[in-house]
Amino acid sequence: MTRLGMLIQADKCIGCSICTRACKDEFIGQNFPGYSAAQPAPDRGFGPSEWPNQAQTLSLWVQPGQNWINFSEVETGTWPNVTAKFVYQPCMQCANAPCQAADTNNAVTTRPDGILLIDPTKSKGQRQVASACPYQRAYWNPAQSIVQKCTFCAHLVDKGGTPRCVEACPLSVIVFGDISDPNSAISKQITALNAKPLRPEYGTKPSVYYSGLT
């Protein structure tokens, strides 16, 4: 059975944030019925008062508002041999998703291809769904009282396309494909690079793998 996932090569990422901008270009102000409600514009829902558990610090890599793709700058090593890497984080599309476990009316569903979607109508009032994500990759939209997150651009995938972040990345940092097929290009790269998911101790069984991290 198909399970769509991503391989993110952290050692190739330069932190240009083009993927984040492409995501915002795709979703801000645009509803995709059956997939997602529009991502709110950056001038709304930003700051500790409205997002008490997801306050953001502005930087070159972090854009205001909801970041369905988030960036963290991680430093490794000790002075003077210090290396900075950028960790790109979409929804991890977990097979054992805490957000789905916190859902009370089937608002969070897993498609046959493994993509996890949150129904904008059914998630109304279910703030606990956003709070349940240990990766903090789900957002509570206070204006609409709904939960929102990355959808792997399922509306594009269903038309034979790829997620906008994958398409936009100038260095092909992000690989997208069927991680359940050992012969797929992404599975072969995951094996070759010994890629691992973030925080496997969470037990969420993510569909997003990382290489180049220590």
N, C-alpha and C. Protein backbone atom coordinates (compact mmCIF):
# COMPACT_ATOMS: atom_id res chain seq x y z
N MET A 1 0.84 -1.20 0.00
CA MET A 1 0.00 0.00 0.00
C MET A 1 0.88 1.25 0.00
N THR A 2 0.52 2.20 -0.83
CA THR A 2 1.28 3.44 -0.95
C THR A 2 1.28 4.24 0.35
N ARG A 3 2.44 4.77 0.70
CA ARG A 3 2.54 5.71 1.81
C ARG A 3 3.47 6.84 1.38
N LEU A 4 2.89 7.98 1.09
CA LEU A 4 3.68 9.11 0.62
C LEU A 4 4.44 9.75 1.77
N GLY A 5 5.68 10.10 1.48
CA GLY A 5 6.52 10.71 2.51
C GLY A 5 7.57 11.62 1.90
N MET A 6 8.41 12.15 2.75
CA MET A 6 9.46 13.06 2.32
C MET A 6 10.80 12.65 2.92
N LEU A 7 11.84 12.92 2.16
CA LEU A 7 13.22 12.86 2.65
C LEU A 7 13.76 14.27 2.59
N ILE A 8 14.25 14.79 3.71
CA ILE A 8 14.79 16.13 3.78
C ILE A 8 16.27 16.04 4.10
N GLN A 9 17.09 16.54 3.19
CA GLN A 9 18.54 16.44 3.30
C GLN A 9 19.09 17.72 3.95
N ALA A 10 19.19 17.68 5.28
CA ALA A 10 19.53 18.88 6.04
C ALA A 10 20.91 19.43 5.69
N ASP A 11 21.82 18.55 5.27
CA ASP A 11 23.16 19.02 4.95
C ASP A 11 23.22 19.75 3.62
N LYS A 12 22.14 19.72 2.83
CA LYS A 12 22.10 20.45 1.56
C LYS A 12 21.34 21.77 1.68
N CYS A 13 20.55 21.91 2.77
CA CYS A 13 19.69 23.08 2.91
C CYS A 13 20.52 24.32 3.27
N ILE A 14 20.26 25.44 2.59
CA ILE A 14 20.97 26.69 2.87
C ILE A 14 20.09 27.70 3.60
N GLY A 15 18.87 27.29 3.95
CA GLY A 15 17.98 28.17 4.71
C GLY A 15 17.45 29.34 3.92
N CYS A 16 17.23 29.16 2.62
CA CYS A 16 16.76 30.27 1.78
C CYS A 16 15.29 30.61 2.02
N SER A 17 14.53 29.71 2.62
CA SER A 17 13.11 29.86 2.97
C SER A 17 12.19 29.94 1.76
N ILE A 18 12.69 29.57 0.59
CA ILE A 18 11.82 29.58 -0.60
C ILE A 18 10.66 28.61 -0.44
N CYS A 19 10.91 27.48 0.20
CA CYS A 19 9.84 26.50 0.40
C CYS A 19 8.72 27.10 1.25
N THR A 20 9.09 27.83 2.31
CA THR A 20 8.10 28.46 3.17
C THR A 20 7.27 29.48 2.40
N ARG A 21 7.95 30.26 1.58
CA ARG A 21 7.25 31.28 0.79
C ARG A 21 6.34 30.64 -0.26
N ALA A 22 6.81 29.55 -0.86
CA ALA A 22 5.99 28.85 -1.86
C ALA A 22 4.73 28.29 -1.20
N CYS A 23 4.88 27.76 0.01
CA CYS A 23 3.74 27.23 0.75
C CYS A 23 2.73 28.34 1.02
N LYS A 24 3.20 29.47 1.47
CA LYS A 24 2.30 30.59 1.75
C LYS A 24 1.62 31.07 0.47
N ASP A 25 2.36 31.10 -0.63
CA ASP A 25 1.80 31.52 -1.91
C ASP A 25 0.66 30.59 -2.33
N GLU A 26 0.80 29.30 -2.02
CA GLU A 26 -0.21 28.31 -2.41
C GLU A 26 -1.46 28.39 -1.54
N PHE A 27 -1.29 28.67 -0.24
CA PHE A 27 -2.42 28.49 0.68
C PHE A 27 -3.01 29.76 1.28
N ILE A 28 -2.25 30.85 1.36
CA ILE A 28 -2.81 32.06 1.96
C ILE A 28 -3.97 32.58 1.11
N GLY A 29 -5.13 32.69 1.75
CA GLY A 29 -6.30 33.23 1.06
C GLY A 29 -6.96 32.29 0.07
N GLN A 30 -6.50 31.05 0.00
CA GLN A 30 -7.06 30.12 -0.97
C GLN A 30 -7.64 28.89 -0.27
N ASN A 31 -8.94 28.67 -0.46
CA ASN A 31 -9.60 27.49 0.05
C ASN A 31 -9.51 26.36 -0.96
N PHE A 32 -9.25 25.17 -0.47
CA PHE A 32 -9.26 23.98 -1.32
C PHE A 32 -10.27 23.01 -0.70
N PRO A 33 -11.53 23.11 -1.13
CA PRO A 33 -12.59 22.27 -0.55
C PRO A 33 -12.24 20.79 -0.58
N GLY A 34 -12.47 20.16 0.55
CA GLY A 34 -12.13 18.74 0.67
C GLY A 34 -10.72 18.51 1.15
N TYR A 35 -9.91 19.58 1.19
CA TYR A 35 -8.52 19.46 1.60
C TYR A 35 -8.18 20.39 2.77
N SER A 36 -8.43 21.68 2.58
CA SER A 36 -8.02 22.65 3.60
C SER A 36 -8.73 23.97 3.41
N ALA A 37 -8.87 24.68 4.52
CA ALA A 37 -9.33 26.07 4.47
C ALA A 37 -8.12 26.95 4.20
N ALA A 38 -8.38 28.17 3.78
CA ALA A 38 -7.30 29.09 3.46
C ALA A 38 -6.43 29.36 4.68
N GLN A 39 -5.13 29.39 4.44
CA GLN A 39 -4.20 29.80 5.50
C GLN A 39 -4.39 31.31 5.71
N PRO A 40 -4.53 31.75 6.98
CA PRO A 40 -4.73 33.18 7.21
C PRO A 40 -3.51 33.99 6.82
N ALA A 41 -3.76 35.21 6.39
CA ALA A 41 -2.67 36.11 6.01
C ALA A 41 -1.80 36.40 7.22
N PRO A 42 -0.51 36.72 6.99
CA PRO A 42 0.44 36.92 8.10
C PRO A 42 0.07 38.02 9.08
N ASP A 43 -0.80 38.95 8.70
CA ASP A 43 -1.11 40.03 9.62
C ASP A 43 -2.19 39.63 10.63
N ARG A 44 -2.58 38.32 10.61
CA ARG A 44 -3.57 37.84 11.58
C ARG A 44 -3.02 36.61 12.29
N GLY A 45 -3.49 36.41 13.49
CA GLY A 45 -3.12 35.19 14.21
C GLY A 45 -1.64 35.06 14.49
N PHE A 46 -0.97 36.20 14.74
CA PHE A 46 0.47 36.13 15.01
C PHE A 46 0.79 36.81 16.33
N GLY A 47 1.56 36.12 17.14
CA GLY A 47 2.00 36.74 18.39
C GLY A 47 1.51 35.98 19.60
N PRO A 48 2.16 36.17 20.71
CA PRO A 48 1.88 35.40 21.92
C PRO A 48 0.45 35.54 22.41
N SER A 49 -0.21 36.68 22.16
CA SER A 49 -1.55 36.89 22.69
C SER A 49 -2.56 35.96 22.03
N GLU A 50 -2.41 35.72 20.72
CA GLU A 50 -3.34 34.87 20.01
C GLU A 50 -2.84 33.44 19.87
N TRP A 51 -1.52 33.27 19.98
CA TRP A 51 -0.93 31.95 19.82
C TRP A 51 -0.07 31.64 21.04
N PRO A 52 -0.67 31.49 22.21
CA PRO A 52 0.13 31.38 23.45
C PRO A 52 1.11 30.22 23.46
N ASN A 53 0.83 29.16 22.74
CA ASN A 53 1.73 28.00 22.75
C ASN A 53 2.63 27.95 21.51
N GLN A 54 2.47 28.92 20.62
CA GLN A 54 3.23 28.87 19.38
C GLN A 54 3.79 30.25 19.02
N ALA A 55 4.23 30.99 20.05
CA ALA A 55 4.81 32.30 19.80
C ALA A 55 6.06 32.15 18.94
N GLN A 56 6.24 33.07 18.00
CA GLN A 56 7.33 32.96 17.05
C GLN A 56 8.33 34.10 17.24
N THR A 57 9.57 33.83 16.90
CA THR A 57 10.60 34.85 16.91
C THR A 57 10.97 35.15 15.46
N LEU A 58 10.80 36.38 15.06
CA LEU A 58 11.09 36.74 13.69
C LEU A 58 12.58 36.61 13.40
N SER A 59 12.90 36.03 12.25
CA SER A 59 14.28 35.93 11.80
C SER A 59 14.25 35.85 10.29
N LEU A 60 15.41 35.72 9.69
CA LEU A 60 15.49 35.60 8.24
C LEU A 60 14.72 34.38 7.74
N TRP A 61 14.66 33.33 8.57
CA TRP A 61 14.09 32.07 8.11
C TRP A 61 12.65 31.86 8.56
N VAL A 62 12.18 32.62 9.55
CA VAL A 62 10.83 32.43 10.06
C VAL A 62 9.93 33.56 9.57
N GLN A 63 8.86 33.20 8.88
CA GLN A 63 7.92 34.19 8.37
C GLN A 63 6.75 34.30 9.36
N PRO A 64 6.14 35.48 9.49
CA PRO A 64 5.04 35.64 10.44
C PRO A 64 3.80 34.88 10.01
N GLY A 65 2.93 34.63 10.97
CA GLY A 65 1.69 33.92 10.70
C GLY A 65 1.88 32.42 10.87
N GLN A 66 0.94 31.65 10.30
CA GLN A 66 1.07 30.20 10.34
C GLN A 66 2.21 29.78 9.42
N ASN A 67 3.06 28.89 9.91
CA ASN A 67 4.13 28.34 9.08
C ASN A 67 3.91 26.85 8.95
N TRP A 68 3.17 26.45 7.92
CA TRP A 68 2.92 25.03 7.69
C TRP A 68 4.22 24.32 7.39
N ILE A 69 5.23 25.09 7.00
CA ILE A 69 6.61 24.62 6.93
C ILE A 69 7.39 25.49 7.90
N ASN A 70 8.03 24.88 8.85
CA ASN A 70 8.77 25.64 9.84
C ASN A 70 10.27 25.39 9.69
N PHE A 71 11.06 26.40 10.03
CA PHE A 71 12.51 26.26 9.99
C PHE A 71 13.11 26.42 11.38
N SER A 72 14.05 25.57 11.69
CA SER A 72 14.85 25.74 12.90
C SER A 72 16.31 25.77 12.48
N GLU A 73 17.06 26.69 13.05
CA GLU A 73 18.50 26.75 12.81
C GLU A 73 19.17 26.00 13.95
N VAL A 74 19.90 24.96 13.62
CA VAL A 74 20.51 24.10 14.62
C VAL A 74 22.03 24.20 14.52
N GLU A 75 22.68 24.50 15.62
CA GLU A 75 24.14 24.56 15.65
C GLU A 75 24.70 23.28 16.26
N THR A 76 25.70 22.74 15.60
CA THR A 76 26.35 21.54 16.11
C THR A 76 27.85 21.80 16.23
N GLY A 77 28.50 21.02 17.08
CA GLY A 77 29.94 21.17 17.27
C GLY A 77 30.25 22.11 18.42
N THR A 78 31.51 22.33 18.64
CA THR A 78 31.98 23.25 19.68
C THR A 78 32.95 24.25 19.06
N TRP A 79 32.96 25.44 19.63
CA TRP A 79 33.82 26.50 19.09
C TRP A 79 35.28 26.06 19.11
N PRO A 80 36.03 26.31 18.04
CA PRO A 80 35.69 27.13 16.87
C PRO A 80 35.13 26.32 15.70
N ASN A 81 34.88 25.06 15.92
CA ASN A 81 34.37 24.21 14.84
C ASN A 81 32.86 24.02 14.98
N VAL A 82 32.13 25.06 14.60
CA VAL A 82 30.68 25.07 14.74
C VAL A 82 30.04 25.07 13.35
N THR A 83 29.03 24.25 13.19
CA THR A 83 28.30 24.17 11.92
C THR A 83 26.83 24.46 12.17
N ALA A 84 26.25 25.28 11.32
CA ALA A 84 24.81 25.59 11.40
C ALA A 84 24.08 24.82 10.32
N LYS A 85 22.98 24.18 10.72
CA LYS A 85 22.14 23.48 9.76
C LYS A 85 20.71 23.95 9.94
N PHE A 86 19.94 23.83 8.87
CA PHE A 86 18.56 24.30 8.89
C PHE A 86 17.64 23.09 8.79
N VAL A 87 16.75 22.99 9.77
CA VAL A 87 15.85 21.84 9.81
C VAL A 87 14.47 22.28 9.34
N TYR A 88 14.10 21.81 8.18
CA TYR A 88 12.81 22.11 7.57
C TYR A 88 11.78 21.15 8.14
N GLN A 89 10.67 21.67 8.64
CA GLN A 89 9.69 20.81 9.29
C GLN A 89 8.27 21.07 8.79
N PRO A 90 7.77 20.19 7.92
CA PRO A 90 6.34 20.22 7.58
C PRO A 90 5.59 19.38 8.60
N CYS A 91 4.32 19.13 8.36
CA CYS A 91 3.61 18.11 9.16
C CYS A 91 4.32 16.79 8.92
N MET A 92 4.53 16.02 9.96
CA MET A 92 5.26 14.76 9.84
C MET A 92 4.41 13.63 9.27
N GLN A 93 3.10 13.91 9.04
CA GLN A 93 2.19 12.92 8.45
C GLN A 93 2.32 11.56 9.17
N CYS A 94 2.16 11.60 10.47
CA CYS A 94 2.39 10.42 11.31
C CYS A 94 1.37 9.31 11.07
N ALA A 95 1.84 8.09 11.08
CA ALA A 95 0.95 6.93 10.99
C ALA A 95 0.26 6.69 12.33
N ASN A 96 0.92 7.10 13.41
CA ASN A 96 0.34 6.98 14.75
C ASN A 96 0.23 8.40 15.31
N ALA A 97 -0.70 9.16 14.76
CA ALA A 97 -0.75 10.60 14.99
C ALA A 97 -1.47 10.99 16.27
N PRO A 98 -0.79 11.68 17.18
CA PRO A 98 -1.44 12.16 18.41
C PRO A 98 -2.60 13.10 18.13
N CYS A 99 -2.51 13.89 17.06
CA CYS A 99 -3.61 14.81 16.73
C CYS A 99 -4.88 14.02 16.40
N GLN A 100 -4.69 12.89 15.72
CA GLN A 100 -5.83 12.06 15.37
C GLN A 100 -6.43 11.40 16.61
N ALA A 101 -5.56 11.04 17.53
CA ALA A 101 -6.03 10.43 18.78
C ALA A 101 -6.81 11.43 19.63
N ALA A 102 -6.48 12.72 19.51
CA ALA A 102 -7.15 13.75 20.30
C ALA A 102 -8.47 14.21 19.69
N ASP A 103 -8.68 13.85 18.44
CA ASP A 103 -9.88 14.24 17.70
C ASP A 103 -11.12 13.54 18.28
N THR A 104 -12.24 14.25 18.30
CA THR A 104 -13.46 13.68 18.88
C THR A 104 -14.56 13.37 17.87
N ASN A 105 -14.42 13.80 16.63
CA ASN A 105 -15.50 13.54 15.67
C ASN A 105 -15.00 13.24 14.25
N ASN A 106 -13.86 12.55 14.18
CA ASN A 106 -13.32 12.13 12.89
C ASN A 106 -12.93 13.31 11.99
N ALA A 107 -12.48 14.39 12.61
CA ALA A 107 -12.02 15.54 11.84
C ALA A 107 -10.66 15.26 11.20
N VAL A 108 -9.86 14.41 11.86
CA VAL A 108 -8.53 14.06 11.36
C VAL A 108 -8.60 12.67 10.71
N THR A 109 -8.30 12.60 9.44
CA THR A 109 -8.39 11.33 8.72
C THR A 109 -7.09 11.03 7.98
N THR A 110 -6.82 9.76 7.80
CA THR A 110 -5.65 9.32 7.05
C THR A 110 -6.12 8.74 5.72
N ARG A 111 -5.63 9.28 4.63
CA ARG A 111 -6.00 8.79 3.31
C ARG A 111 -5.28 7.48 3.02
N PRO A 112 -5.74 6.73 2.01
CA PRO A 112 -5.08 5.48 1.64
C PRO A 112 -3.60 5.65 1.27
N ASP A 113 -3.22 6.87 0.84
CA ASP A 113 -1.81 7.11 0.49
C ASP A 113 -1.01 7.62 1.68
N GLY A 114 -1.63 7.65 2.87
CA GLY A 114 -0.91 8.04 4.08
C GLY A 114 -0.97 9.50 4.45
N ILE A 115 -1.53 10.34 3.58
CA ILE A 115 -1.61 11.77 3.90
C ILE A 115 -2.68 12.01 4.95
N LEU A 116 -2.30 12.76 5.97
CA LEU A 116 -3.19 13.08 7.08
C LEU A 116 -3.83 14.44 6.82
N LEU A 117 -5.16 14.49 6.81
CA LEU A 117 -5.87 15.74 6.57
C LEU A 117 -6.76 16.07 7.76
N ILE A 118 -6.94 17.38 7.98
CA ILE A 118 -7.83 17.86 9.03
C ILE A 118 -8.99 18.60 8.37
N ASP A 119 -10.19 18.11 8.58
CA ASP A 119 -11.38 18.72 7.98
C ASP A 119 -11.65 20.07 8.65
N PRO A 120 -11.70 21.15 7.84
CA PRO A 120 -11.88 22.49 8.42
C PRO A 120 -13.20 22.64 9.18
N THR A 121 -14.24 21.97 8.71
CA THR A 121 -15.54 22.09 9.36
C THR A 121 -15.60 21.27 10.65
N LYS A 122 -15.17 20.02 10.57
CA LYS A 122 -15.26 19.13 11.73
C LYS A 122 -14.29 19.51 12.84
N SER A 123 -13.21 20.20 12.48
CA SER A 123 -12.22 20.57 13.51
C SER A 123 -12.62 21.81 14.29
N LYS A 124 -13.74 22.40 13.92
CA LYS A 124 -14.17 23.64 14.59
C LYS A 124 -14.33 23.41 16.09
N GLY A 125 -13.65 24.24 16.86
CA GLY A 125 -13.72 24.16 18.31
C GLY A 125 -12.81 23.13 18.95
N GLN A 126 -12.07 22.37 18.14
CA GLN A 126 -11.23 21.29 18.68
C GLN A 126 -9.77 21.73 18.84
N ARG A 127 -9.56 22.69 19.69
CA ARG A 127 -8.21 23.21 19.88
C ARG A 127 -7.25 22.14 20.37
N GLN A 128 -7.77 21.14 21.07
CA GLN A 128 -6.90 20.08 21.60
C GLN A 128 -6.20 19.30 20.49
N VAL A 129 -6.76 19.32 19.29
CA VAL A 129 -6.14 18.62 18.16
C VAL A 129 -4.80 19.28 17.82
N ALA A 130 -4.78 20.61 17.81
CA ALA A 130 -3.53 21.33 17.55
C ALA A 130 -2.54 21.14 18.68
N SER A 131 -3.04 21.19 19.91
CA SER A 131 -2.16 21.07 21.08
C SER A 131 -1.52 19.70 21.19
N ALA A 132 -2.16 18.68 20.59
CA ALA A 132 -1.68 17.30 20.74
C ALA A 132 -0.43 17.01 19.92
N CYS A 133 -0.13 17.83 18.93
CA CYS A 133 1.03 17.54 18.06
C CYS A 133 2.33 17.78 18.81
N PRO A 134 3.15 16.75 19.03
CA PRO A 134 4.40 16.94 19.78
C PRO A 134 5.45 17.72 18.99
N TYR A 135 5.26 17.82 17.67
CA TYR A 135 6.20 18.57 16.83
C TYR A 135 5.77 20.03 16.67
N GLN A 136 4.60 20.38 17.21
CA GLN A 136 4.03 21.73 17.10
C GLN A 136 3.86 22.14 15.64
N ARG A 137 3.35 21.19 14.85
CA ARG A 137 3.16 21.47 13.44
C ARG A 137 1.69 21.64 13.05
N ALA A 138 0.81 21.74 14.03
CA ALA A 138 -0.60 22.03 13.78
C ALA A 138 -0.92 23.38 14.41
N TYR A 139 -1.76 24.15 13.76
CA TYR A 139 -2.06 25.50 14.20
C TYR A 139 -3.53 25.66 14.55
N TRP A 140 -3.78 26.39 15.60
CA TRP A 140 -5.13 26.79 15.96
C TRP A 140 -5.39 28.16 15.33
N ASN A 141 -6.44 28.23 14.51
CA ASN A 141 -6.82 29.48 13.86
C ASN A 141 -7.91 30.13 14.71
N PRO A 142 -7.57 31.14 15.52
CA PRO A 142 -8.55 31.73 16.43
C PRO A 142 -9.66 32.48 15.72
N ALA A 143 -9.40 32.96 14.51
CA ALA A 143 -10.42 33.70 13.78
C ALA A 143 -11.56 32.79 13.34
N GLN A 144 -11.22 31.54 12.97
CA GLN A 144 -12.24 30.61 12.50
C GLN A 144 -12.49 29.46 13.48
N SER A 145 -11.71 29.40 14.55
CA SER A 145 -11.81 28.32 15.55
C SER A 145 -11.65 26.95 14.91
N ILE A 146 -10.63 26.82 14.05
CA ILE A 146 -10.35 25.55 13.39
C ILE A 146 -8.87 25.21 13.51
N VAL A 147 -8.54 23.96 13.22
CA VAL A 147 -7.15 23.49 13.25
C VAL A 147 -6.65 23.37 11.81
N GLN A 148 -5.41 23.82 11.58
CA GLN A 148 -4.84 23.80 10.23
C GLN A 148 -3.39 23.31 10.26
N LYS A 149 -2.96 22.75 9.13
CA LYS A 149 -1.58 22.27 9.03
C LYS A 149 -1.25 21.99 7.57
N CYS A 150 0.00 21.60 7.35
CA CYS A 150 0.47 21.13 6.04
C CYS A 150 -0.35 19.93 5.60
N THR A 151 -0.68 19.91 4.31
CA THR A 151 -1.45 18.79 3.74
C THR A 151 -0.64 17.98 2.72
N PHE A 152 0.67 18.23 2.65
CA PHE A 152 1.50 17.65 1.58
C PHE A 152 0.96 18.07 0.21
N CYS A 153 0.24 19.21 0.19
CA CYS A 153 -0.39 19.69 -1.05
C CYS A 153 -1.19 18.57 -1.73
N ALA A 154 -2.05 17.93 -0.94
CA ALA A 154 -2.82 16.79 -1.45
C ALA A 154 -3.65 17.16 -2.67
N HIS A 155 -4.10 18.42 -2.73
CA HIS A 155 -4.90 18.86 -3.89
C HIS A 155 -4.08 18.84 -5.17
N LEU A 156 -2.76 19.03 -5.05
CA LEU A 156 -1.88 18.95 -6.22
C LEU A 156 -1.47 17.51 -6.50
N VAL A 157 -1.22 16.75 -5.44
CA VAL A 157 -0.85 15.34 -5.58
C VAL A 157 -1.94 14.58 -6.33
N ASP A 158 -3.20 14.89 -6.02
CA ASP A 158 -4.31 14.19 -6.66
C ASP A 158 -4.44 14.52 -8.15
N LYS A 159 -3.75 15.56 -8.58
CA LYS A 159 -3.74 15.92 -10.00
C LYS A 159 -2.45 15.47 -10.68
N GLY A 160 -1.66 14.65 -9.95
CA GLY A 160 -0.42 14.16 -10.51
C GLY A 160 0.78 15.05 -10.25
N GLY A 161 0.60 16.06 -9.39
CA GLY A 161 1.69 16.98 -9.11
C GLY A 161 2.45 16.61 -7.84
N THR A 162 3.25 17.54 -7.37
CA THR A 162 4.03 17.37 -6.15
C THR A 162 3.80 18.55 -5.23
N PRO A 163 4.11 18.44 -3.95
CA PRO A 163 3.97 19.59 -3.04
C PRO A 163 4.76 20.79 -3.54
N ARG A 164 4.23 21.98 -3.29
CA ARG A 164 4.87 23.19 -3.79
C ARG A 164 6.28 23.36 -3.25
N CYS A 165 6.52 22.94 -1.99
CA CYS A 165 7.85 23.09 -1.42
C CYS A 165 8.87 22.25 -2.19
N VAL A 166 8.46 21.07 -2.60
CA VAL A 166 9.35 20.18 -3.37
C VAL A 166 9.67 20.82 -4.72
N GLU A 167 8.65 21.35 -5.34
CA GLU A 167 8.80 21.98 -6.66
C GLU A 167 9.67 23.22 -6.60
N ALA A 168 9.53 23.99 -5.49
CA ALA A 168 10.21 25.28 -5.41
C ALA A 168 11.66 25.20 -4.95
N CYS A 169 12.04 24.15 -4.25
CA CYS A 169 13.39 24.08 -3.67
C CYS A 169 14.47 24.12 -4.75
N PRO A 170 15.34 25.12 -4.73
CA PRO A 170 16.34 25.26 -5.80
C PRO A 170 17.46 24.23 -5.75
N LEU A 171 17.63 23.57 -4.59
CA LEU A 171 18.72 22.62 -4.43
C LEU A 171 18.24 21.18 -4.30
N SER A 172 16.95 20.97 -4.57
CA SER A 172 16.37 19.61 -4.48
C SER A 172 16.66 18.97 -3.14
N VAL A 173 16.52 19.78 -2.08
CA VAL A 173 16.73 19.28 -0.73
C VAL A 173 15.65 18.27 -0.34
N ILE A 174 14.44 18.49 -0.86
CA ILE A 174 13.27 17.69 -0.46
C ILE A 174 12.95 16.67 -1.55
N VAL A 175 12.86 15.43 -1.15
CA VAL A 175 12.47 14.36 -2.07
C VAL A 175 11.11 13.84 -1.62
N PHE A 176 10.22 13.64 -2.58
CA PHE A 176 8.85 13.22 -2.27
C PHE A 176 8.53 11.93 -3.02
N GLY A 177 7.87 11.00 -2.35
CA GLY A 177 7.52 9.76 -3.03
C GLY A 177 6.96 8.72 -2.09
N ASP A 178 6.88 7.49 -2.60
CA ASP A 178 6.29 6.38 -1.86
C ASP A 178 7.35 5.71 -0.99
N ILE A 179 7.26 5.94 0.31
CA ILE A 179 8.26 5.36 1.22
C ILE A 179 7.97 3.90 1.54
N SER A 180 6.81 3.40 1.12
CA SER A 180 6.48 1.99 1.39
C SER A 180 7.04 1.06 0.32
N ASP A 181 7.46 1.62 -0.82
CA ASP A 181 8.01 0.84 -1.92
C ASP A 181 9.54 0.84 -1.81
N PRO A 182 10.16 -0.29 -1.50
CA PRO A 182 11.61 -0.32 -1.34
C PRO A 182 12.37 -0.01 -2.62
N ASN A 183 11.68 -0.08 -3.75
CA ASN A 183 12.33 0.20 -5.03
C ASN A 183 12.11 1.62 -5.52
N SER A 184 11.37 2.42 -4.76
CA SER A 184 11.16 3.81 -5.17
C SER A 184 12.44 4.61 -4.95
N ALA A 185 12.54 5.71 -5.68
CA ALA A 185 13.74 6.56 -5.58
C ALA A 185 13.93 7.08 -4.16
N ILE A 186 12.84 7.48 -3.51
CA ILE A 186 12.96 8.03 -2.16
C ILE A 186 13.39 6.96 -1.16
N SER A 187 12.86 5.74 -1.29
CA SER A 187 13.24 4.67 -0.37
C SER A 187 14.71 4.32 -0.51
N LYS A 188 15.20 4.30 -1.75
CA LYS A 188 16.60 3.99 -1.98
C LYS A 188 17.51 5.06 -1.38
N GLN A 189 17.08 6.32 -1.46
CA GLN A 189 17.88 7.40 -0.89
C GLN A 189 17.84 7.37 0.64
N ILE A 190 16.68 7.06 1.20
CA ILE A 190 16.57 6.96 2.66
C ILE A 190 17.54 5.90 3.18
N THR A 191 17.60 4.78 2.47
CA THR A 191 18.49 3.69 2.87
C THR A 191 19.95 4.09 2.70
N ALA A 192 20.27 4.67 1.53
CA ALA A 192 21.65 5.04 1.23
C ALA A 192 22.19 6.10 2.19
N LEU A 193 21.33 7.02 2.59
CA LEU A 193 21.76 8.12 3.45
C LEU A 193 21.53 7.82 4.94
N ASN A 194 20.99 6.65 5.23
CA ASN A 194 20.68 6.27 6.61
C ASN A 194 19.81 7.33 7.28
N ALA A 195 18.81 7.78 6.54
CA ALA A 195 17.93 8.84 7.04
C ALA A 195 17.00 8.32 8.13
N LYS A 196 16.69 9.20 9.07
CA LYS A 196 15.85 8.83 10.20
C LYS A 196 14.78 9.90 10.42
N PRO A 197 13.66 9.54 11.03
CA PRO A 197 12.67 10.56 11.39
C PRO A 197 13.13 11.37 12.60
N LEU A 198 12.54 12.55 12.78
CA LEU A 198 12.82 13.34 13.98
C LEU A 198 12.10 12.72 15.17
N ARG A 199 12.75 12.72 16.30
CA ARG A 199 12.18 12.29 17.56
C ARG A 199 11.45 10.94 17.48
N PRO A 200 12.15 9.88 17.07
CA PRO A 200 11.49 8.57 17.01
C PRO A 200 10.96 8.11 18.35
N GLU A 201 11.50 8.68 19.45
CA GLU A 201 11.02 8.29 20.78
C GLU A 201 9.57 8.70 21.02
N TYR A 202 9.03 9.59 20.18
CA TYR A 202 7.63 9.97 20.32
C TYR A 202 6.69 8.83 19.94
N GLY A 203 7.19 7.90 19.13
CA GLY A 203 6.38 6.77 18.72
C GLY A 203 5.27 7.11 17.74
N THR A 204 5.44 8.18 16.99
CA THR A 204 4.38 8.64 16.09
C THR A 204 4.47 8.04 14.68
N LYS A 205 5.57 7.39 14.38
CA LYS A 205 5.80 6.78 13.06
C LYS A 205 5.63 7.80 11.93
N PRO A 206 6.51 8.81 11.91
CA PRO A 206 6.39 9.87 10.89
C PRO A 206 6.68 9.35 9.48
N SER A 207 6.18 10.10 8.49
CA SER A 207 6.45 9.81 7.09
C SER A 207 7.52 10.73 6.53
N VAL A 208 8.15 11.53 7.40
CA VAL A 208 9.19 12.47 6.99
C VAL A 208 10.51 12.02 7.60
N TYR A 209 11.52 11.85 6.73
CA TYR A 209 12.84 11.38 7.16
C TYR A 209 13.89 12.46 6.91
N TYR A 210 14.96 12.41 7.71
CA TYR A 210 16.02 13.42 7.63
C TYR A 210 17.39 12.75 7.47
N SER A 211 18.19 13.34 6.63
CA SER A 211 19.59 12.94 6.53
C SER A 211 20.45 14.16 6.79
N GLY A 212 21.69 13.95 7.17
CA GLY A 212 22.61 15.05 7.39
C GLY A 212 22.50 15.70 8.76
N LEU A 213 21.71 15.11 9.66
CA LEU A 213 21.62 15.64 11.03
C LEU A 213 22.39 14.74 11.98
N THR A 214 22.94 15.35 13.03
CA THR A 214 23.59 14.54 14.06
C THR A 214 22.67 14.47 15.26
